[in-house]
Amino acid sequence: TQVSLRCPSPAGGGRVEVPRTVTAVLGQDVVLPCRYRAQEQEQVVQVTWLKRGPGAVPAEVAVLNPQHGEHVQEPFAGRVLRHGQGGLEDGAIVLRN
């Protein structure tokens, strides 16, 4: 099964860095990287991950917010975790199993 997860695009002048492809092995965890290279005076205040399938409306997977914490939608609860600590410039997530 192929799934497309989109790393959010910024509204500012910084740059999002993501690998072109990520390979996952069934039954193992996989990290989905997403790094934002902020310009001066920019700060990431929230990261939202969406799942997009062919012809489907994008579905929210997870929201990472330093003030309100992490929120993972029910279908992904227990399977999606934030990868790392600190600022949201690193908005990577882990898909478990």
Protein backbone atom coordinates (compact mmCIF):
# COMPACT_ATOMS: atom_id res chain seq x y z
CA THR A 1 0.00 0.00 0.00
CA GLN A 2 1.34 3.42 -0.89
CA VAL A 3 0.43 6.33 1.35
CA SER A 4 1.22 9.97 0.74
CA LEU A 5 1.83 12.11 3.81
CA ARG A 6 2.51 15.76 3.17
CA CYS A 7 4.91 17.81 5.23
CA PRO A 8 3.25 21.18 5.70
CA SER A 9 4.36 24.12 3.57
CA PRO A 10 5.26 27.36 5.30
CA ALA A 11 3.58 30.69 4.74
CA GLY A 12 6.85 32.52 5.41
CA GLY A 13 10.12 32.69 3.57
CA GLY A 14 11.85 29.67 5.13
CA ARG A 15 12.43 26.33 3.48
CA VAL A 16 10.93 22.88 4.15
CA GLU A 17 13.35 19.97 3.81
CA VAL A 18 11.98 16.48 3.24
CA PRO A 19 13.41 13.42 1.51
CA ARG A 20 11.96 12.62 -1.90
CA THR A 21 11.04 9.11 -0.74
CA VAL A 22 10.90 7.20 2.51
CA THR A 23 11.01 3.41 2.51
CA ALA A 24 9.07 1.51 5.17
CA VAL A 25 9.11 -2.16 6.05
CA LEU A 26 5.83 -3.76 7.09
CA GLY A 27 5.84 -4.41 10.84
CA GLN A 28 8.65 -1.94 11.62
CA ASP A 29 8.66 1.70 12.70
CA VAL A 30 9.50 4.40 10.16
CA VAL A 31 10.48 8.04 10.67
CA LEU A 32 8.87 10.59 8.35
CA PRO A 33 11.27 13.55 8.40
CA CYS A 34 10.18 17.15 8.02
CA ARG A 35 12.54 20.02 8.86
CA TYR A 36 11.85 23.71 8.46
CA ARG A 37 14.83 26.02 7.91
CA ALA A 38 13.45 29.25 9.30
CA GLN A 39 14.61 32.66 8.24
CA GLU A 40 15.52 35.28 10.80
CA GLN A 41 12.65 36.21 13.15
CA GLU A 42 10.53 33.20 12.06
CA GLN A 43 9.25 30.66 14.54
CA VAL A 44 7.28 27.46 13.93
CA VAL A 45 4.17 27.52 16.11
CA GLN A 46 2.37 24.41 14.83
CA VAL A 47 2.93 21.43 12.54
CA THR A 48 -0.01 19.58 11.03
CA TRP A 49 0.41 16.24 9.25
CA LEU A 50 -2.17 15.21 6.65
CA LYS A 51 -2.75 11.86 4.94
CA ARG A 52 -3.65 12.09 1.28
CA GLY A 53 -4.85 9.13 -0.73
CA PRO A 54 -5.72 8.91 -4.42
CA GLY A 55 -8.90 10.89 -5.01
CA ALA A 56 -9.56 11.26 -1.28
CA VAL A 57 -9.96 14.38 0.81
CA PRO A 58 -6.85 14.88 2.98
CA ALA A 59 -7.33 13.57 6.53
CA GLU A 60 -5.61 15.10 9.53
CA VAL A 61 -3.19 12.65 11.14
CA ALA A 62 -1.48 14.70 13.86
CA VAL A 63 -1.03 18.24 15.12
CA LEU A 64 2.12 19.23 17.00
CA ASN A 65 1.80 22.39 19.05
CA PRO A 66 4.18 23.50 21.82
CA GLN A 67 1.43 25.15 23.90
CA HIS A 68 -1.34 22.60 23.46
CA GLY A 69 0.77 19.47 23.06
CA GLU A 70 0.44 16.75 20.48
CA HIS A 71 -2.91 15.61 19.18
CA VAL A 72 -3.21 12.44 17.11
CA GLN A 73 -6.52 11.62 15.42
CA GLU A 74 -8.26 8.47 16.67
CA PRO A 75 -7.51 6.20 13.68
CA PHE A 76 -3.78 6.86 14.26
CA ALA A 77 -3.71 6.94 18.08
CA GLY A 78 -0.88 4.82 19.45
CA ARG A 79 0.72 4.53 16.01
CA VAL A 80 1.90 8.11 15.41
CA LEU A 81 4.42 9.78 17.70
CA ARG A 82 6.53 12.90 17.51
CA HIS A 83 10.14 12.10 16.67
CA GLY A 84 12.33 14.27 18.82
CA GLN A 85 12.10 17.04 21.36
CA GLY A 86 12.46 20.80 21.41
CA GLY A 87 11.34 23.29 18.79
CA LEU A 88 9.03 22.40 15.94
CA GLU A 89 11.61 23.22 13.28
CA ASP A 90 11.99 19.43 13.37
CA GLY A 91 8.41 18.29 12.79
CA ALA A 92 9.23 14.65 12.06
CA ILE A 93 6.87 11.92 13.18
CA VAL A 94 7.24 8.16 13.70
CA LEU A 95 4.74 5.69 12.29
CA ARG A 96 4.77 2.61 14.49
CA ASN A 97 4.44 -0.88 13.03
